[in-house]
Amino acid sequence: MKHYLGIKTILIKVSWNTFAGLPLLFENLLQAKKLLVDTGLVAYKLPDGAIIELYGPGASYPPYLFLHGDIVIGYRVSNLKAAMAQLLEEGASILGNVVSISPDHHFCFLLINDVQVIGLFEMGVAIR
């Protein structure tokens, strides 16, 4: 399986009405596979490999995640440290800590131009 750089995740903060209505869209129309269900959170994997995370009422997430808007895009990069260094040099701010899920899967969130939160992900070939 080829691994692409670019958009990997889309995190969306939604109201209860929206949260309850989206399964039809993702599961039936977009053929997404439900990966995770938790209090106020549902995650789907789209056929192209992108992950959609819906954060509804009762979901737990860092306070900075949706501070500047209801949508956060996460990008897959080949080298997280290098990508972070470039963005920090251009004035971005890191939010929280770099999180390591496994030796080859790390992510962090950054604030770009004081207005947009983005995620950066480095994932090795073992992560699909």
N, C-alpha and C. Protein backbone atom coordinates (compact mmCIF):
# COMPACT_ATOMS: atom_id res chain seq x y z
N MET A 1 0.84 -1.17 0.00
CA MET A 1 0.00 0.00 0.00
C MET A 1 0.89 1.24 0.00
N LYS A 2 0.64 2.14 -0.90
CA LYS A 2 1.42 3.37 -0.99
C LYS A 2 0.94 4.35 0.07
N HIS A 3 1.89 5.05 0.67
CA HIS A 3 1.56 6.03 1.71
C HIS A 3 1.78 7.42 1.15
N TYR A 4 0.77 8.24 1.24
CA TYR A 4 0.83 9.58 0.68
C TYR A 4 1.01 10.61 1.77
N LEU A 5 1.74 11.66 1.42
CA LEU A 5 1.83 12.82 2.29
C LEU A 5 0.64 13.70 1.98
N GLY A 6 0.28 14.57 2.88
CA GLY A 6 -0.85 15.46 2.64
C GLY A 6 -1.90 15.31 3.72
N ILE A 7 -3.13 15.62 3.39
CA ILE A 7 -4.20 15.59 4.38
C ILE A 7 -4.41 14.15 4.88
N LYS A 8 -4.33 13.99 6.17
CA LYS A 8 -4.52 12.67 6.78
C LYS A 8 -5.77 12.64 7.65
N THR A 9 -6.04 13.74 8.36
CA THR A 9 -7.20 13.77 9.24
C THR A 9 -7.96 15.08 9.10
N ILE A 10 -9.25 14.98 9.33
CA ILE A 10 -10.10 16.16 9.41
C ILE A 10 -10.87 16.03 10.71
N LEU A 11 -10.63 16.96 11.63
CA LEU A 11 -11.29 16.97 12.92
C LEU A 11 -12.36 18.04 12.88
N ILE A 12 -13.59 17.68 13.24
CA ILE A 12 -14.70 18.62 13.13
C ILE A 12 -15.47 18.65 14.45
N LYS A 13 -15.66 19.85 14.98
CA LYS A 13 -16.50 20.04 16.16
C LYS A 13 -17.92 20.29 15.66
N VAL A 14 -18.87 19.49 16.12
CA VAL A 14 -20.23 19.57 15.61
C VAL A 14 -21.25 19.67 16.75
N SER A 15 -22.43 20.19 16.42
CA SER A 15 -23.54 20.25 17.37
C SER A 15 -24.16 18.86 17.48
N TRP A 16 -25.03 18.68 18.45
CA TRP A 16 -25.68 17.38 18.63
C TRP A 16 -26.48 16.98 17.40
N ASN A 17 -27.24 17.92 16.82
CA ASN A 17 -28.05 17.61 15.64
C ASN A 17 -27.19 17.17 14.46
N THR A 18 -26.09 17.86 14.24
CA THR A 18 -25.17 17.49 13.16
C THR A 18 -24.52 16.16 13.46
N PHE A 19 -24.07 15.99 14.71
CA PHE A 19 -23.40 14.76 15.13
C PHE A 19 -24.29 13.55 14.89
N ALA A 20 -25.57 13.69 15.18
CA ALA A 20 -26.51 12.57 15.03
C ALA A 20 -26.83 12.29 13.56
N GLY A 21 -26.70 13.28 12.69
CA GLY A 21 -27.10 13.10 11.30
C GLY A 21 -26.01 12.67 10.35
N LEU A 22 -24.75 12.71 10.76
CA LEU A 22 -23.67 12.43 9.83
C LEU A 22 -23.38 10.95 9.54
N PRO A 23 -23.76 10.00 10.40
CA PRO A 23 -23.49 8.60 10.05
C PRO A 23 -24.03 8.19 8.69
N LEU A 24 -25.20 8.66 8.32
CA LEU A 24 -25.75 8.34 7.00
C LEU A 24 -24.79 8.79 5.90
N LEU A 25 -24.29 10.00 6.00
CA LEU A 25 -23.36 10.52 5.00
C LEU A 25 -22.09 9.68 4.94
N PHE A 26 -21.45 9.47 6.08
CA PHE A 26 -20.16 8.79 6.07
C PHE A 26 -20.28 7.30 5.76
N GLU A 27 -21.19 6.61 6.41
CA GLU A 27 -21.27 5.16 6.26
C GLU A 27 -21.93 4.73 4.95
N ASN A 28 -23.01 5.37 4.58
CA ASN A 28 -23.75 4.93 3.40
C ASN A 28 -23.28 5.59 2.11
N LEU A 29 -23.14 6.89 2.13
CA LEU A 29 -22.81 7.60 0.89
C LEU A 29 -21.32 7.63 0.59
N LEU A 30 -20.48 7.76 1.61
CA LEU A 30 -19.03 7.83 1.39
C LEU A 30 -18.32 6.51 1.64
N GLN A 31 -19.05 5.48 2.05
CA GLN A 31 -18.50 4.15 2.32
C GLN A 31 -17.37 4.18 3.33
N ALA A 32 -17.51 5.02 4.34
CA ALA A 32 -16.50 5.12 5.39
C ALA A 32 -16.68 3.99 6.40
N LYS A 33 -15.58 3.57 6.98
CA LYS A 33 -15.59 2.53 7.99
C LYS A 33 -15.49 3.20 9.36
N LYS A 34 -16.40 2.86 10.25
CA LYS A 34 -16.36 3.41 11.61
C LYS A 34 -15.19 2.77 12.35
N LEU A 35 -14.29 3.61 12.87
CA LEU A 35 -13.11 3.11 13.57
C LEU A 35 -13.24 3.16 15.07
N LEU A 36 -13.93 4.19 15.57
CA LEU A 36 -13.96 4.44 17.00
C LEU A 36 -15.25 5.13 17.38
N VAL A 37 -15.83 4.69 18.47
CA VAL A 37 -16.99 5.38 19.04
C VAL A 37 -16.69 5.56 20.52
N ASP A 38 -16.78 6.79 20.99
CA ASP A 38 -16.56 7.11 22.39
C ASP A 38 -17.55 8.21 22.75
N THR A 39 -17.59 8.61 23.98
CA THR A 39 -18.52 9.66 24.40
C THR A 39 -18.28 10.92 23.58
N GLY A 40 -19.24 11.28 22.75
CA GLY A 40 -19.15 12.49 21.95
C GLY A 40 -18.17 12.44 20.80
N LEU A 41 -17.60 11.29 20.51
CA LEU A 41 -16.59 11.18 19.45
C LEU A 41 -16.88 9.97 18.58
N VAL A 42 -16.85 10.19 17.27
CA VAL A 42 -16.91 9.09 16.31
C VAL A 42 -15.83 9.35 15.27
N ALA A 43 -15.04 8.32 14.97
CA ALA A 43 -14.00 8.44 13.96
C ALA A 43 -14.30 7.48 12.82
N TYR A 44 -14.11 7.98 11.59
CA TYR A 44 -14.35 7.20 10.38
C TYR A 44 -13.09 7.20 9.52
N LYS A 45 -12.89 6.11 8.80
CA LYS A 45 -11.83 6.04 7.80
C LYS A 45 -12.49 6.01 6.44
N LEU A 46 -12.13 6.99 5.60
CA LEU A 46 -12.66 7.05 4.25
C LEU A 46 -11.92 6.08 3.34
N PRO A 47 -12.49 5.71 2.21
CA PRO A 47 -11.82 4.78 1.30
C PRO A 47 -10.43 5.24 0.85
N ASP A 48 -10.18 6.56 0.81
CA ASP A 48 -8.86 7.06 0.41
C ASP A 48 -7.86 7.06 1.55
N GLY A 49 -8.27 6.59 2.74
CA GLY A 49 -7.37 6.51 3.89
C GLY A 49 -7.46 7.68 4.85
N ALA A 50 -8.11 8.75 4.46
CA ALA A 50 -8.25 9.90 5.35
C ALA A 50 -9.16 9.53 6.52
N ILE A 51 -8.88 10.12 7.66
CA ILE A 51 -9.66 9.89 8.87
C ILE A 51 -10.47 11.14 9.18
N ILE A 52 -11.76 10.95 9.44
CA ILE A 52 -12.65 12.03 9.87
C ILE A 52 -12.99 11.77 11.33
N GLU A 53 -12.74 12.76 12.19
CA GLU A 53 -13.09 12.65 13.60
C GLU A 53 -14.16 13.69 13.90
N LEU A 54 -15.30 13.24 14.37
CA LEU A 54 -16.41 14.14 14.73
C LEU A 54 -16.46 14.28 16.24
N TYR A 55 -16.30 15.51 16.71
CA TYR A 55 -16.33 15.81 18.14
C TYR A 55 -17.64 16.50 18.46
N GLY A 56 -18.52 15.79 19.14
CA GLY A 56 -19.81 16.34 19.53
C GLY A 56 -19.85 16.65 21.00
N PRO A 57 -21.02 17.01 21.51
CA PRO A 57 -21.17 17.30 22.93
C PRO A 57 -20.69 16.13 23.79
N GLY A 58 -19.92 16.43 24.82
CA GLY A 58 -19.41 15.41 25.72
C GLY A 58 -18.06 14.85 25.33
N ALA A 59 -17.55 15.21 24.15
CA ALA A 59 -16.24 14.71 23.71
C ALA A 59 -15.13 15.34 24.54
N SER A 60 -14.06 14.61 24.71
CA SER A 60 -12.89 15.10 25.43
C SER A 60 -11.79 15.43 24.42
N TYR A 61 -11.28 16.66 24.48
CA TYR A 61 -10.20 17.07 23.59
C TYR A 61 -9.46 18.23 24.25
N PRO A 62 -8.22 18.49 23.82
CA PRO A 62 -7.46 19.59 24.42
C PRO A 62 -8.18 20.92 24.21
N PRO A 63 -8.12 21.83 25.17
CA PRO A 63 -8.86 23.09 25.06
C PRO A 63 -8.46 23.94 23.86
N TYR A 64 -7.24 23.78 23.37
CA TYR A 64 -6.78 24.59 22.24
C TYR A 64 -7.25 24.06 20.89
N LEU A 65 -7.75 22.84 20.84
CA LEU A 65 -8.01 22.19 19.56
C LEU A 65 -8.98 22.98 18.68
N PHE A 66 -10.09 23.42 19.23
CA PHE A 66 -11.08 24.16 18.44
C PHE A 66 -11.19 25.62 18.88
N LEU A 67 -10.13 26.14 19.46
CA LEU A 67 -10.14 27.52 19.96
C LEU A 67 -10.31 28.54 18.85
N HIS A 68 -9.83 28.22 17.65
CA HIS A 68 -9.85 29.18 16.54
C HIS A 68 -10.78 28.76 15.40
N GLY A 69 -11.62 27.78 15.62
CA GLY A 69 -12.55 27.34 14.58
C GLY A 69 -13.02 25.92 14.83
N ASP A 70 -14.01 25.48 14.09
CA ASP A 70 -14.60 24.17 14.30
C ASP A 70 -14.01 23.07 13.43
N ILE A 71 -13.01 23.39 12.61
CA ILE A 71 -12.39 22.39 11.74
C ILE A 71 -10.87 22.49 11.87
N VAL A 72 -10.24 21.34 12.09
CA VAL A 72 -8.79 21.25 12.15
C VAL A 72 -8.36 20.20 11.14
N ILE A 73 -7.45 20.57 10.26
CA ILE A 73 -6.92 19.63 9.27
C ILE A 73 -5.58 19.12 9.78
N GLY A 74 -5.39 17.80 9.67
CA GLY A 74 -4.12 17.19 10.04
C GLY A 74 -3.40 16.73 8.78
N TYR A 75 -2.12 17.06 8.70
CA TYR A 75 -1.32 16.74 7.51
C TYR A 75 -0.27 15.71 7.86
N ARG A 76 -0.12 14.73 6.99
CA ARG A 76 0.94 13.74 7.14
C ARG A 76 2.21 14.30 6.52
N VAL A 77 3.30 14.24 7.27
CA VAL A 77 4.59 14.72 6.80
C VAL A 77 5.61 13.58 6.93
N SER A 78 6.67 13.66 6.15
CA SER A 78 7.67 12.59 6.20
C SER A 78 8.61 12.73 7.39
N ASN A 79 8.78 13.96 7.90
CA ASN A 79 9.67 14.20 9.03
C ASN A 79 9.04 15.26 9.92
N LEU A 80 8.48 14.83 11.03
CA LEU A 80 7.76 15.74 11.92
C LEU A 80 8.67 16.83 12.47
N LYS A 81 9.86 16.46 12.93
CA LYS A 81 10.76 17.46 13.51
C LYS A 81 11.13 18.53 12.50
N ALA A 82 11.43 18.13 11.28
CA ALA A 82 11.80 19.10 10.24
C ALA A 82 10.62 19.99 9.87
N ALA A 83 9.44 19.41 9.75
CA ALA A 83 8.25 20.21 9.42
C ALA A 83 7.94 21.20 10.53
N MET A 84 8.03 20.75 11.78
CA MET A 84 7.80 21.65 12.91
C MET A 84 8.81 22.78 12.91
N ALA A 85 10.08 22.46 12.69
CA ALA A 85 11.13 23.48 12.70
C ALA A 85 10.85 24.55 11.65
N GLN A 86 10.46 24.13 10.46
CA GLN A 86 10.15 25.10 9.40
C GLN A 86 8.99 26.00 9.79
N LEU A 87 7.93 25.41 10.30
CA LEU A 87 6.75 26.20 10.66
C LEU A 87 7.02 27.10 11.86
N LEU A 88 7.76 26.61 12.84
CA LEU A 88 8.10 27.45 13.99
C LEU A 88 8.98 28.62 13.57
N GLU A 89 9.88 28.37 12.63
CA GLU A 89 10.73 29.44 12.10
C GLU A 89 9.90 30.53 11.42
N GLU A 90 8.78 30.13 10.85
CA GLU A 90 7.89 31.08 10.16
C GLU A 90 6.88 31.73 11.10
N GLY A 91 6.98 31.44 12.39
CA GLY A 91 6.12 32.11 13.36
C GLY A 91 5.01 31.28 13.95
N ALA A 92 4.92 30.02 13.59
CA ALA A 92 3.89 29.15 14.18
C ALA A 92 4.21 28.91 15.65
N SER A 93 3.20 28.50 16.40
CA SER A 93 3.37 28.15 17.81
C SER A 93 2.92 26.72 18.02
N ILE A 94 3.67 25.98 18.82
CA ILE A 94 3.25 24.61 19.12
C ILE A 94 2.20 24.65 20.22
N LEU A 95 1.19 23.83 20.09
CA LEU A 95 0.11 23.73 21.07
C LEU A 95 0.23 22.37 21.75
N GLY A 96 0.38 22.35 23.03
CA GLY A 96 0.53 21.08 23.74
C GLY A 96 1.90 20.48 23.48
N ASN A 97 1.97 19.17 23.51
CA ASN A 97 3.22 18.44 23.33
C ASN A 97 3.16 17.57 22.08
N VAL A 98 4.34 17.15 21.63
CA VAL A 98 4.40 16.12 20.60
C VAL A 98 3.98 14.81 21.28
N VAL A 99 3.05 14.11 20.67
CA VAL A 99 2.54 12.85 21.23
C VAL A 99 3.10 11.70 20.40
N SER A 100 3.70 10.73 21.08
CA SER A 100 4.22 9.54 20.41
C SER A 100 3.30 8.37 20.73
N ILE A 101 2.69 7.83 19.69
CA ILE A 101 1.79 6.69 19.86
C ILE A 101 2.57 5.39 19.77
N SER A 102 3.59 5.38 18.92
CA SER A 102 4.49 4.24 18.77
C SER A 102 5.82 4.81 18.28
N PRO A 103 6.85 3.97 18.15
CA PRO A 103 8.14 4.51 17.70
C PRO A 103 8.10 5.19 16.33
N ASP A 104 7.12 4.85 15.50
CA ASP A 104 7.07 5.47 14.17
C ASP A 104 5.77 6.23 13.90
N HIS A 105 5.09 6.65 14.96
CA HIS A 105 3.83 7.40 14.80
C HIS A 105 3.78 8.51 15.85
N HIS A 106 3.94 9.75 15.39
CA HIS A 106 3.98 10.92 16.28
C HIS A 106 3.09 12.01 15.69
N PHE A 107 2.53 12.84 16.57
CA PHE A 107 1.75 13.97 16.07
C PHE A 107 1.82 15.14 17.03
N CYS A 108 1.48 16.31 16.50
CA CYS A 108 1.40 17.52 17.31
C CYS A 108 0.43 18.48 16.64
N PHE A 109 0.07 19.52 17.37
CA PHE A 109 -0.79 20.57 16.83
C PHE A 109 -0.04 21.89 16.91
N LEU A 110 -0.22 22.71 15.87
CA LEU A 110 0.42 24.02 15.81
C LEU A 110 -0.62 25.08 15.49
N LEU A 111 -0.34 26.29 15.94
CA LEU A 111 -1.17 27.44 15.61
C LEU A 111 -0.42 28.24 14.55
N ILE A 112 -1.04 28.43 13.40
CA ILE A 112 -0.45 29.14 12.27
C ILE A 112 -1.02 30.56 12.22
N ASN A 113 -0.15 31.55 12.14
CA ASN A 113 -0.56 32.96 12.02
C ASN A 113 -1.58 33.38 13.07
N ASP A 114 -1.52 32.77 14.24
CA ASP A 114 -2.42 33.09 15.36
C ASP A 114 -3.90 32.89 15.04
N VAL A 115 -4.23 32.19 13.96
CA VAL A 115 -5.64 32.03 13.59
C VAL A 115 -6.06 30.61 13.22
N GLN A 116 -5.15 29.73 12.88
CA GLN A 116 -5.54 28.40 12.39
C GLN A 116 -4.75 27.31 13.09
N VAL A 117 -5.46 26.37 13.69
CA VAL A 117 -4.83 25.20 14.29
C VAL A 117 -4.72 24.12 13.22
N ILE A 118 -3.54 23.51 13.12
CA ILE A 118 -3.34 22.38 12.21
C ILE A 118 -2.68 21.25 12.99
N GLY A 119 -2.82 20.04 12.48
CA GLY A 119 -2.12 18.90 13.03
C GLY A 119 -1.05 18.44 12.06
N LEU A 120 0.05 17.94 12.60
CA LEU A 120 1.10 17.33 11.80
C LEU A 120 1.30 15.91 12.30
N PHE A 121 1.41 14.96 11.37
CA PHE A 121 1.54 13.55 11.71
C PHE A 121 2.71 12.95 10.96
N GLU A 122 3.53 12.20 11.67
CA GLU A 122 4.56 11.38 11.02
C GLU A 122 4.19 9.94 11.32
N MET A 123 4.03 9.16 10.27
CA MET A 123 3.62 7.78 10.43
C MET A 123 4.51 6.88 9.59
N GLY A 124 5.07 5.87 10.22
CA GLY A 124 5.90 4.93 9.49
C GLY A 124 5.07 3.99 8.65
N VAL A 125 5.75 3.14 7.91
CA VAL A 125 5.05 2.24 6.98
C VAL A 125 4.21 1.20 7.70
N ALA A 126 4.49 0.94 8.97
CA ALA A 126 3.71 -0.06 9.69
C ALA A 126 2.32 0.44 10.04
N ILE A 127 2.12 1.75 10.04
CA ILE A 127 0.82 2.32 10.38
C ILE A 127 0.00 2.46 9.11
N ARG A 128 -1.20 1.92 9.10
CA ARG A 128 -2.05 2.00 7.92
C ARG A 128 -3.36 2.66 8.26
